[in-house]
Protein backbone atom coordinates (compact mmCIF):
# COMPACT_ATOMS: atom_id res chain seq x y z
CA UNK A 1 25.71 -0.87 2.75
CA UNK A 2 26.85 2.33 3.45
CA UNK A 3 26.00 3.91 6.78
CA UNK A 4 24.91 7.41 6.37
CA UNK A 5 26.64 10.09 8.53
CA UNK A 6 23.78 12.51 10.81
CA UNK A 7 25.59 15.27 12.48
CA UNK A 8 25.12 15.24 16.18
CA UNK A 9 22.87 18.30 16.40
CA UNK A 10 19.63 18.12 14.24
CA UNK A 11 17.48 21.11 12.73
CA UNK A 12 14.41 21.33 15.13
CA UNK A 13 10.93 22.82 14.91
CA UNK A 14 10.83 26.73 15.58
CA UNK A 15 8.11 28.70 17.08
CA UNK A 16 6.71 31.68 15.38
CA UNK A 17 3.29 32.85 17.36
CA UNK A 18 3.36 30.07 19.79
CA UNK A 19 2.86 27.70 16.68
CA UNK A 20 5.49 24.97 15.85
CA UNK A 21 7.29 25.62 12.41
CA UNK A 22 8.96 23.34 10.34
CA UNK A 23 10.51 22.79 6.95
CA UNK A 24 8.97 19.39 6.37
CA UNK A 25 5.69 18.03 7.60
CA UNK A 26 5.43 14.24 6.44
CA UNK A 27 2.27 12.56 7.02
CA UNK A 28 2.48 8.76 7.83
CA UNK A 29 5.02 7.06 9.68
CA UNK A 30 4.71 3.52 7.50
CA UNK A 31 7.02 2.61 4.58
CA UNK A 32 6.42 5.37 2.40
CA UNK A 33 6.83 8.35 5.89
CA UNK A 34 9.89 6.59 6.95
CA UNK A 35 11.61 6.20 3.52
CA UNK A 36 10.55 10.17 3.13
CA UNK A 37 12.60 10.73 6.56
CA UNK A 38 15.80 8.87 5.88
CA UNK A 39 15.89 10.91 2.13
CA UNK A 40 15.66 14.10 3.96
CA UNK A 41 18.03 13.25 6.42
CA UNK A 42 20.60 12.01 3.61
CA UNK A 43 20.24 15.25 1.57
CA UNK A 44 18.74 18.11 3.27
CA UNK A 45 20.35 17.60 6.99
CA UNK A 46 19.99 21.91 7.33
CA UNK A 47 16.38 21.37 7.08
CA UNK A 48 13.53 20.59 10.10
CA UNK A 49 11.06 17.89 9.47
CA UNK A 50 8.58 16.04 11.56
CA UNK A 51 6.82 12.77 10.97
CA UNK A 52 3.20 12.65 12.14
CA UNK A 53 1.13 9.74 12.11
CA UNK A 54 -2.25 8.50 13.79
CA UNK A 55 -1.47 5.59 15.18
CA UNK A 56 0.71 4.69 18.10
CA UNK A 57 3.43 2.78 16.89
CA UNK A 58 4.80 3.08 13.66
CA UNK A 59 4.43 0.78 10.50
CA UNK A 60 1.14 2.12 9.23
CA UNK A 61 -0.18 -1.10 7.40
CA UNK A 62 1.92 -3.35 8.99
CA UNK A 63 1.11 -1.87 12.55
CA UNK A 64 -2.86 -2.15 11.97
CA UNK A 65 -2.34 -5.68 10.23
CA UNK A 66 -3.33 -8.33 12.99
CA UNK A 67 -5.00 -10.81 11.10
CA UNK A 68 -3.35 -14.38 11.23
CA UNK A 69 -0.27 -15.02 9.35
CA UNK A 70 -0.01 -11.13 8.21
CA UNK A 71 2.68 -10.72 5.99
CA UNK A 72 4.02 -9.28 2.76
CA UNK A 73 2.63 -10.31 -0.51
CA UNK A 74 5.50 -8.66 -2.72
CA UNK A 75 8.82 -9.81 -1.98
CA UNK A 76 10.85 -8.04 0.16
CA UNK A 77 13.99 -7.86 -2.06
CA UNK A 78 11.93 -5.08 -3.70
CA UNK A 79 9.21 -4.00 -1.03
CA UNK A 80 12.59 -2.88 1.15
CA UNK A 81 14.17 0.21 0.28
CA UNK A 82 17.10 0.73 -1.84
CA UNK A 83 19.15 1.73 0.53
CA UNK A 84 18.93 -0.97 2.97
CA UNK A 85 19.52 -4.03 1.98
CA UNK A 86 16.65 -6.83 3.54
CA UNK A 87 18.33 -10.02 4.84
CA UNK A 88 15.77 -12.05 5.51
CA UNK A 89 13.46 -14.53 3.27
CA UNK A 90 11.83 -12.94 0.11
CA UNK A 91 8.21 -13.47 2.18
CA UNK A 92 7.94 -11.90 5.08
CA UNK A 93 5.72 -11.60 8.39
CA UNK A 94 4.22 -8.42 9.11
CA UNK A 95 6.63 -8.45 12.21
CA UNK A 96 9.97 -9.04 10.41
CA UNK A 97 9.17 -6.01 8.21
CA UNK A 98 8.22 -3.60 11.54
CA UNK A 99 11.87 -4.88 12.72
CA UNK A 100 13.32 -3.68 9.35
CA UNK A 101 11.38 -0.23 9.97
CA UNK A 102 12.61 -0.06 13.62
CA UNK A 103 16.31 -0.49 12.25
CA UNK A 104 15.38 2.41 9.82
CA UNK A 105 14.13 4.59 12.16
CA UNK A 106 17.27 3.70 14.42
CA UNK A 107 20.10 4.17 12.00
CA UNK A 108 18.80 7.50 10.62
CA UNK A 109 17.78 9.00 14.11
CA UNK A 110 14.01 9.24 13.27
CA UNK A 111 12.74 8.35 16.47
CA UNK A 112 13.02 11.97 17.67
CA UNK A 113 11.02 13.51 15.20
CA UNK A 114 7.97 10.92 14.74
CA UNK A 115 4.99 11.96 16.63
CA UNK A 116 2.28 9.49 17.23
CA UNK A 117 -1.67 9.40 18.20
CA UNK A 118 -1.84 12.79 16.04
CA UNK A 119 -4.44 12.65 13.88
CA UNK A 120 -4.21 15.38 10.59
CA UNK A 121 -7.93 16.49 10.33
CA UNK A 122 -7.07 19.70 7.96
CA UNK A 123 -4.27 22.34 6.18
CA UNK A 124 -4.51 25.11 4.27
CA UNK A 125 -2.26 26.98 2.25
CA UNK A 126 -1.23 30.65 2.41
CA UNK A 127 0.22 32.11 -0.91
CA UNK A 128 1.10 35.37 1.21
CA UNK A 129 3.22 33.52 4.06
CA UNK A 130 4.27 30.40 1.30
CA UNK A 131 3.40 27.89 3.92
CA UNK A 132 1.13 25.70 4.76
CA UNK A 133 -1.02 25.65 8.06
CA UNK A 134 -2.21 21.80 9.62
CA UNK A 135 -4.35 21.44 12.38
CA UNK A 136 -3.71 18.40 14.69
CA UNK A 137 -5.88 16.20 17.03
CA UNK A 138 -3.94 14.28 19.55
CA UNK A 139 -5.71 11.17 19.63
CA UNK A 140 -3.88 10.76 23.18
CA UNK A 141 -5.58 13.70 25.07
CA UNK A 142 -8.08 14.79 22.27
CA UNK A 143 -6.01 18.41 22.58
CA UNK A 144 -6.31 20.27 19.26
CA UNK A 145 -2.62 21.55 17.96
CA UNK A 146 -2.00 23.53 14.93
CA UNK A 147 1.62 23.49 13.02
CA UNK A 148 2.79 25.30 9.77
CA UNK A 149 5.42 23.85 7.18
CA UNK A 150 6.76 25.36 3.86
CA UNK A 151 6.48 21.88 2.37
CA UNK A 152 3.92 19.04 2.71
CA UNK A 153 4.76 15.73 1.87
CA UNK A 154 1.87 12.89 2.32
CA UNK A 155 2.32 9.47 2.98
CA UNK A 156 -0.58 8.15 4.46
CA UNK A 157 -1.29 5.08 2.79
CA UNK A 158 -4.19 4.30 0.73
CA UNK A 159 -7.04 3.02 2.39
CA UNK A 160 -9.36 3.87 5.94
CA UNK A 161 -7.75 1.70 8.22
CA UNK A 162 -10.45 2.27 10.57
CA UNK A 163 -13.44 1.77 7.96
CA UNK A 164 -13.02 -1.58 6.09
CA UNK A 165 -15.37 -2.24 3.54
CA UNK A 166 -18.30 -5.14 4.50
CA UNK A 167 -21.04 -5.39 1.78
CA UNK A 168 -24.42 -5.76 3.61
CA UNK A 169 -25.26 -9.46 3.86
CA UNK A 170 -29.06 -10.79 4.31
CA UNK A 171 -29.76 -12.28 7.87
CA UNK A 172 -26.42 -11.65 9.29
CA UNK A 173 -27.80 -11.02 12.56
CA UNK A 174 -29.23 -14.36 12.47
CA UNK A 175 -25.79 -16.17 12.66
CA UNK A 176 -24.91 -16.74 16.42
CA UNK A 177 -21.12 -16.78 16.25
CA UNK A 178 -18.89 -13.86 15.73
CA UNK A 179 -18.46 -12.11 12.29
CA UNK A 180 -15.41 -10.32 12.16
CA UNK A 181 -13.20 -7.99 9.41
CA UNK A 182 -9.38 -8.97 9.08
CA UNK A 183 -8.62 -5.25 9.64
CA UNK A 184 -10.21 -5.46 13.26
CA UNK A 185 -9.04 -8.51 14.97
CA UNK A 186 -9.67 -9.47 18.34
CA UNK A 187 -6.59 -10.40 20.32
CA UNK A 188 -8.68 -12.65 22.38
CA UNK A 189 -9.81 -14.78 19.41
CA UNK A 190 -9.30 -18.72 19.43
CA UNK A 191 -10.26 -20.53 16.69
CA UNK A 192 -9.00 -24.10 17.63
CA UNK A 193 -11.40 -26.81 16.22
CA UNK A 194 -13.64 -24.30 14.96
CA UNK A 195 -15.45 -24.54 11.62
CA UNK A 196 -14.16 -20.70 9.90
CA UNK A 197 -15.88 -19.66 6.82
CA UNK A 198 -13.85 -16.67 5.03
CA UNK A 199 -15.22 -14.82 2.68
CA UNK A 200 -13.25 -13.00 -0.23
CA UNK A 201 -10.57 -14.22 -2.27
CA UNK A 202 -8.14 -11.78 -2.68
CA UNK A 203 -4.63 -11.35 -0.65
CA UNK A 204 -6.13 -11.04 2.65
CA UNK A 205 -8.16 -14.41 2.19
CA UNK A 206 -5.12 -16.13 0.70
CA UNK A 207 -3.02 -15.25 3.93
CA UNK A 208 -5.81 -16.32 6.66
CA UNK A 209 -7.02 -19.12 5.17
CA UNK A 210 -3.78 -21.12 5.43
CA UNK A 211 -2.91 -19.52 9.13
CA UNK A 212 -6.02 -20.48 10.52
CA UNK A 213 -6.22 -23.72 9.35
CA UNK A 214 -3.21 -24.90 11.34
CA UNK A 215 -5.20 -25.50 14.27
CA UNK A 216 -9.05 -24.51 13.18
CA UNK A 217 -11.18 -27.81 12.18
CA UNK A 218 -11.90 -26.68 8.73
CA UNK A 219 -11.51 -23.48 6.91
CA UNK A 220 -13.65 -22.61 3.37
CA UNK A 221 -12.73 -19.88 1.37
CA UNK A 222 -16.26 -18.77 0.05
CA UNK A 223 -15.67 -16.47 -3.07
CA UNK A 224 -18.37 -14.85 -5.67
CA UNK A 225 -15.58 -14.69 -7.79
CA UNK A 226 -11.92 -16.39 -8.16
CA UNK A 227 -8.86 -14.65 -8.06
CA UNK A 228 -5.26 -15.79 -10.29
CA UNK A 229 -2.63 -17.28 -7.47
CA UNK A 230 0.54 -17.99 -7.80
CA UNK A 231 2.94 -20.23 -5.38
CA UNK A 232 5.98 -18.36 -4.81
CA UNK A 233 9.45 -19.94 -2.81
CA UNK A 234 9.06 -18.35 0.40
CA UNK A 235 13.08 -17.98 0.13
CA UNK A 236 14.48 -17.15 -3.26
CA UNK A 237 17.03 -20.65 -4.72
CA UNK A 238 18.94 -17.84 -6.06
CA UNK A 239 18.86 -16.11 -2.53
CA UNK A 240 20.39 -19.74 -1.43
CA UNK A 241 22.90 -19.83 -3.39
CA UNK A 242 24.55 -16.23 -3.31
CA UNK A 243 24.40 -16.79 0.65
CA UNK A 244 26.33 -20.13 0.48
CA UNK A 245 28.96 -18.24 -1.53
CA UNK A 246 29.42 -15.82 1.53
CA UNK A 247 29.35 -12.58 -0.62
CA UNK A 248 28.53 -9.25 0.79
CA UNK A 249 24.50 -8.63 1.92
CA UNK A 250 24.47 -5.75 -0.43
CA UNK A 251 25.39 -8.21 -3.49
CA UNK A 252 23.12 -10.53 -2.67
CA UNK A 253 20.14 -7.75 -1.98
CA UNK A 254 20.80 -5.85 -5.57
CA UNK A 255 21.07 -9.33 -7.42
CA UNK A 256 17.74 -10.48 -6.15
CA UNK A 257 16.20 -6.99 -6.58
CA UNK A 258 17.14 -7.35 -10.36
CA UNK A 259 15.68 -10.41 -10.58
CA UNK A 260 12.25 -10.12 -8.93
CA UNK A 261 11.85 -6.46 -10.74
CA UNK A 262 12.63 -8.48 -14.26
CA UNK A 263 10.53 -11.79 -13.46
CA UNK A 264 7.58 -8.98 -12.64
CA UNK A 265 8.25 -6.91 -15.64
CA UNK A 266 8.06 -10.03 -17.83
CA UNK A 267 4.61 -11.05 -16.42
CA UNK A 268 3.30 -7.93 -16.73
CA UNK A 269 4.63 -7.58 -19.83
CA UNK A 270 2.76 -10.68 -21.00
CA UNK A 271 -0.66 -10.27 -18.88
CA UNK A 272 -0.79 -6.76 -21.10
CA UNK A 273 0.67 -7.85 -24.76
CA UNK A 274 -0.51 -12.12 -24.34
CA UNK A 275 -3.48 -12.39 -21.93
CA UNK A 276 -4.03 -15.73 -22.73
CA UNK A 277 -1.03 -17.18 -22.91
CA UNK A 278 -0.42 -15.30 -19.28
CA UNK A 279 -3.55 -17.03 -17.90
CA UNK A 280 -2.47 -20.58 -18.99
CA UNK A 281 0.48 -19.92 -17.64
CA UNK A 282 -0.60 -19.08 -14.31
CA UNK A 283 -3.22 -22.01 -14.19
CA UNK A 284 -0.40 -24.38 -15.48
CA UNK A 285 1.67 -22.82 -12.39
CA UNK A 286 -1.31 -23.76 -10.05
CA UNK A 287 -2.28 -27.25 -10.83
CA UNK A 288 0.65 -29.39 -9.52
CA UNK A 289 -0.06 -27.64 -6.10
CA UNK A 290 -3.69 -28.58 -6.00
CA UNK A 291 -5.15 -32.53 -5.36
CA UNK A 292 -6.19 -34.29 -8.68
CA UNK A 293 -9.28 -32.88 -10.04
CA UNK A 294 -9.70 -29.75 -8.36
CA UNK A 295 -11.67 -27.71 -10.20
CA UNK A 296 -9.60 -25.13 -11.36
CA UNK A 297 -11.28 -23.75 -14.42
CA UNK A 298 -14.07 -22.59 -11.65
CA UNK A 299 -12.14 -21.97 -8.58
CA UNK A 300 -8.60 -20.02 -9.95
CA UNK A 301 -9.53 -19.12 -13.56
CA UNK A 302 -11.28 -15.34 -13.47
CA UNK A 303 -13.21 -13.71 -16.25
CA UNK A 304 -10.48 -10.91 -15.91
CA UNK A 305 -7.13 -11.10 -17.69
CA UNK A 306 -4.21 -11.45 -15.56
CA UNK A 307 -2.80 -8.52 -13.66
CA UNK A 308 -6.04 -6.20 -14.14
CA UNK A 309 -6.27 -7.18 -10.24
CA UNK A 310 -3.32 -8.54 -8.12
CA UNK A 311 -2.15 -11.37 -8.41
CA UNK A 312 -2.45 -13.41 -4.69
CA UNK A 313 1.29 -14.56 -3.51
CA UNK A 314 1.29 -17.82 -1.62
CA UNK A 315 4.43 -18.45 0.24
CA UNK A 316 5.76 -22.12 -0.85
CA UNK A 317 2.01 -22.78 -1.80
CA UNK A 318 0.75 -22.48 1.59
CA UNK A 319 -2.97 -21.95 1.01
CA UNK A 320 -2.76 -24.81 -2.21
CA UNK A 321 -1.16 -27.39 0.61
CA UNK A 322 -3.93 -26.82 2.80
CA UNK A 323 -6.24 -27.63 0.34
CA UNK A 324 -4.52 -30.45 -1.03
CA UNK A 325 -4.12 -32.22 2.77
CA UNK A 326 -8.27 -31.50 3.06
CA UNK A 327 -7.38 -28.77 5.79
CA UNK A 328 -9.01 -25.94 3.69
CA UNK A 329 -11.20 -25.66 0.59
CA UNK A 330 -12.63 -23.54 -2.06
CA UNK A 331 -16.58 -22.62 -2.62
CA UNK A 332 -17.18 -20.58 -5.55
CA UNK A 333 -20.68 -19.01 -5.39
CA UNK A 334 -23.01 -15.97 -3.84
CA UNK A 335 -24.34 -15.73 -0.69
CA UNK A 336 -28.33 -15.99 -0.11
CA UNK A 337 -28.63 -15.47 3.40
CA UNK A 338 -26.55 -15.95 6.97
CA UNK A 339 -28.35 -18.62 8.93
CA UNK A 340 -27.98 -19.30 12.72
CA UNK A 341 -25.47 -21.96 11.72
CA UNK A 342 -23.47 -20.54 8.88
CA UNK A 343 -24.50 -19.60 5.35
CA UNK A 344 -26.85 -20.81 3.10
CA UNK A 345 -25.55 -20.20 -0.76
CA UNK A 346 -27.44 -19.18 -3.86
CA UNK A 347 -26.94 -23.15 -5.20
CA UNK A 348 -28.48 -24.17 -1.94
CA UNK A 349 -25.86 -25.49 -0.13
CA UNK A 350 -25.00 -24.94 3.66
CA UNK A 351 -21.77 -24.05 4.85
CA UNK A 352 -21.50 -24.44 8.32
CA UNK A 353 -19.50 -22.06 10.43
CA UNK A 354 -18.85 -21.51 13.93
CA UNK A 355 -16.52 -18.19 12.99
CA UNK A 356 -17.30 -16.16 9.47
CA UNK A 357 -14.31 -13.53 8.36
CA UNK A 358 -15.41 -11.26 5.91
CA UNK A 359 -12.01 -10.63 3.80
CA UNK A 360 -13.91 -8.33 1.62
CA UNK A 361 -11.65 -5.57 1.34
CA UNK A 362 -11.49 -1.97 2.56
CA UNK A 363 -12.42 1.72 1.08
CA UNK A 364 -9.40 3.62 -0.43
CA UNK A 365 -9.02 7.06 1.73
CA UNK A 366 -8.06 10.04 -0.39
CA UNK A 367 -4.99 11.69 1.34
CA UNK A 368 -6.33 10.55 5.01
CA UNK A 369 -9.69 12.47 4.33
CA UNK A 370 -8.18 15.54 5.65
CA UNK A 371 -9.40 18.43 4.57
CA UNK A 372 -7.52 20.85 2.03
CA UNK A 373 -7.72 24.81 1.38
CA UNK A 374 -5.78 26.75 -0.50
CA UNK A 375 -6.38 30.59 -0.10
CA UNK A 376 -9.41 30.09 1.47
CA UNK A 377 -10.98 27.60 -1.31
CA UNK A 378 -11.55 24.24 -0.50
CA UNK A 379 -10.19 21.82 -2.27
CA UNK A 380 -12.26 19.17 -4.07
CA UNK A 381 -9.79 16.66 -5.24
CA UNK A 382 -12.17 14.44 -7.58
CA UNK A 383 -12.12 17.37 -9.69
CA UNK A 384 -8.39 17.82 -9.93
CA UNK A 385 -5.89 16.14 -12.13
CA UNK A 386 -2.45 14.75 -10.83
CA UNK A 387 0.93 15.90 -12.11
CA UNK A 388 2.78 12.45 -12.50
CA UNK A 389 0.81 11.09 -9.60
CA UNK A 390 2.67 12.79 -7.11
CA UNK A 391 1.61 16.22 -7.46
CA UNK A 392 -1.86 17.76 -7.60
CA UNK A 393 -3.03 20.45 -10.18
CA UNK A 394 -3.17 23.71 -8.22
CA UNK A 395 -2.15 22.55 -4.81
CA UNK A 396 1.11 24.26 -4.26
CA UNK A 397 4.11 22.78 -2.20
CA UNK A 398 2.39 19.47 -1.45
CA UNK A 399 3.43 15.87 -2.21
CA UNK A 400 2.32 12.46 -2.04
CA UNK A 401 3.13 8.92 -2.25
CA UNK A 402 0.94 6.33 -4.12
CA UNK A 403 3.09 3.05 -4.90
CA UNK A 404 2.58 0.61 -7.63
CA UNK A 405 -0.32 -1.94 -7.35
CA UNK A 406 1.37 -4.43 -9.43
CA UNK A 407 5.24 -4.06 -8.06
CA UNK A 408 6.48 -3.35 -4.44
CA UNK A 409 4.71 -0.12 -3.07
CA UNK A 410 8.34 0.61 -1.97
CA UNK A 411 10.08 0.60 -5.43
CA UNK A 412 8.03 3.66 -6.07
CA UNK A 413 8.04 5.36 -2.93
CA UNK A 414 12.20 5.50 -3.52
CA UNK A 415 11.75 7.21 -7.08
CA UNK A 416 9.11 9.58 -5.87
CA UNK A 417 11.78 10.70 -3.07
CA UNK A 418 14.18 11.24 -5.59
CA UNK A 419 11.99 13.32 -7.83
CA UNK A 420 10.45 15.59 -4.72
CA UNK A 421 13.69 16.15 -3.28
CA UNK A 422 15.32 17.39 -6.36
CA UNK A 423 12.50 19.48 -6.70
CA UNK A 424 13.64 21.31 -3.92
CA UNK A 425 16.94 21.60 -4.55
CA UNK A 426 15.33 23.26 -7.97
CA UNK A 427 13.46 25.32 -5.92
CA UNK A 428 16.53 26.47 -4.00
CA UNK A 429 18.65 27.19 -7.28
CA UNK A 430 15.49 29.50 -8.39
CA UNK A 431 15.58 31.09 -5.27
CA UNK A 432 11.11 30.15 -5.05
CA UNK A 433 9.31 29.58 -2.21
CA UNK A 434 6.45 27.77 -3.79
CA UNK A 435 5.69 24.99 -6.81
CA UNK A 436 2.61 24.42 -7.76
CA UNK A 437 1.47 22.16 -11.09
CA UNK A 438 -0.76 23.66 -13.63
CA UNK A 439 -2.89 21.92 -16.16
CA UNK A 440 -4.64 23.61 -18.94
CA UNK A 441 -7.50 24.06 -19.75
CA UNK A 442 -7.06 21.45 -22.53
CA UNK A 443 -5.78 18.85 -20.51
CA UNK A 444 -9.13 16.05 -20.07
CA UNK A 445 -10.03 14.76 -17.53
CA UNK A 446 -9.86 10.71 -16.88
CA UNK A 447 -10.75 8.12 -14.16
CA UNK A 448 -8.55 8.18 -11.31
CA UNK A 449 -8.18 4.37 -12.90
CA UNK A 450 -8.51 3.32 -16.00
CA UNK A 451 -10.87 -0.37 -15.64
CA UNK A 452 -9.29 -1.88 -18.66
CA UNK A 453 -5.67 -1.37 -16.83
CA UNK A 454 -6.75 -1.99 -13.34
CA UNK A 455 -10.24 -2.74 -12.00
CA UNK A 456 -10.27 -4.25 -8.65
CA UNK A 457 -13.51 -3.59 -6.63
CA UNK A 458 -12.39 -1.09 -4.16
CA UNK A 459 -10.73 0.67 -6.73
CA UNK A 460 -13.65 0.65 -8.82
CA UNK A 461 -16.23 1.39 -5.39
CA UNK A 462 -13.93 5.17 -4.89
CA UNK A 463 -13.46 6.53 -7.93
CA UNK A 464 -15.76 9.22 -7.12
CA UNK A 465 -13.48 10.10 -4.38
CA UNK A 466 -10.38 10.25 -5.89
CA UNK A 467 -8.46 12.69 -8.24
CA UNK A 468 -8.16 12.64 -11.86
CA UNK A 469 -5.47 11.99 -14.26
CA UNK A 470 -5.43 13.38 -17.99
CA UNK A 471 -4.95 12.50 -21.06
CA UNK A 472 -1.24 13.34 -21.64
CA UNK A 473 2.04 13.53 -19.31
CA UNK A 474 2.68 14.75 -17.18
CA UNK A 475 -0.76 14.41 -16.01
CA UNK A 476 -1.10 10.58 -16.13
CA UNK A 477 -0.37 8.05 -13.43
CA UNK A 478 -0.57 4.09 -13.09
CA UNK A 479 2.44 3.82 -15.02
CA UNK A 480 4.64 0.50 -14.48
CA UNK A 481 8.07 0.72 -12.85
CA UNK A 482 9.37 -0.63 -16.02
CA UNK A 483 8.71 2.87 -17.37
CA UNK A 484 8.78 5.26 -14.66
CA UNK A 485 12.57 4.18 -13.47
CA UNK A 486 13.57 6.29 -16.44
CA UNK A 487 10.95 9.11 -16.93
CA UNK A 488 10.59 10.12 -13.46
CA UNK A 489 14.03 10.55 -12.80
CA UNK A 490 14.49 12.26 -16.08
CA UNK A 491 11.34 14.71 -15.77
CA UNK A 492 12.07 17.89 -16.72
CA UNK A 493 11.40 20.39 -13.69
CA UNK A 494 10.95 23.54 -16.29
CA UNK A 495 8.79 22.02 -18.76
CA UNK A 496 5.87 24.61 -17.82
CA UNK A 497 3.76 22.30 -16.10
CA UNK A 498 4.91 23.86 -12.92
CA UNK A 499 4.67 27.29 -11.99
CA UNK A 500 7.36 28.50 -9.35
CA UNK A 501 7.09 31.90 -7.12
């Protein structure tokens, strides 16, 4: 790993008329925001920037997720940054990921640039001044603060941390035990020897079930519809072999990155071109891990094609192991009502529970629900089209990070950083202060996510509040890494889709 040299004297925010000003303001101190900070330090050491985050500490998702077993559902060799080798197991806990982010913060001297408990509430662009004015609420003091910046980089993630999605369950008030959502996990909850029902079938449920099953009397995963799941080694066999050879860690990292990328590329390709072959592959992979006679068709064979929703990754097949050992079970049914002692299903079966966990997903957030305006006019993102899934039509000097749903989030975060910094360099070469994507009236607006491509509940529920995509490049997004690893570095910044001024 190459170590970046950072000058001892770094550019600081400046004061103009009592308002603090920076060249670049990054919103969010999670994986994307910390990555943006690294790229800014490396490419523009003479520019000032700040990273603001609502939470009391770094990490975003990895700081807020406190539920049992919280871990990555992507391998860390692709979820890790391109510039910094991951040295741990392929699947890592939230604590291990936070330690990794701490190393990046220290190595890139980002600590002094990050301000926690700073919630961005509104931001307005002035074309006359060619800058953003950003209104911030300090969560620790309640104070209102105003900042200005030349460029705004939204790295706040994609869902509402404080407002998880929980459906209305009939009779919920009758249940005498705790009902809780993983995004709001209480620190003092003790489930030892308790009967637990986890409602949900996605990656969170697949994480919570085996973790709670270690000490609970029994854990039941109750799902309305199945999800594809796949068991994967927590530590890749190739990593063990390479590390035994005592070769440089950078080599191991790059080899494992390429291995995981190609494996996921192949499964993604197979799912799109030969969905039934992909379905059979996934079912055949699951069977050896489950008890003899287990109804895999009922519980783990969704009606949708593979990768139309995320495939839940099980490190070392941990959830399958708890099913095989009788410590957990899967029930596929719908809920008729909660009762005093559990849940009655539509089939008439009753599930006893001391604790009910609603791992029912989350709500998408469009740019952190921050209010945007351009020259005094409010921006309604639901009527705007995206430029390459990185900028928004008619919104100057604002980029955002939205990662991949199938591949690791960070793969796209790195590609976006490359393009954003190249765009800033291009603006310097042209001697301009602003850049704005401008889509012509002939660009047809289409849904943020094509249901034929990707259609989980949290996406379909939120389509109306998200920005749109167009019917042609560069106004499209939701492409795969296999394509964007080539198209984004080659993106023409003078093709007429961007207006410089």
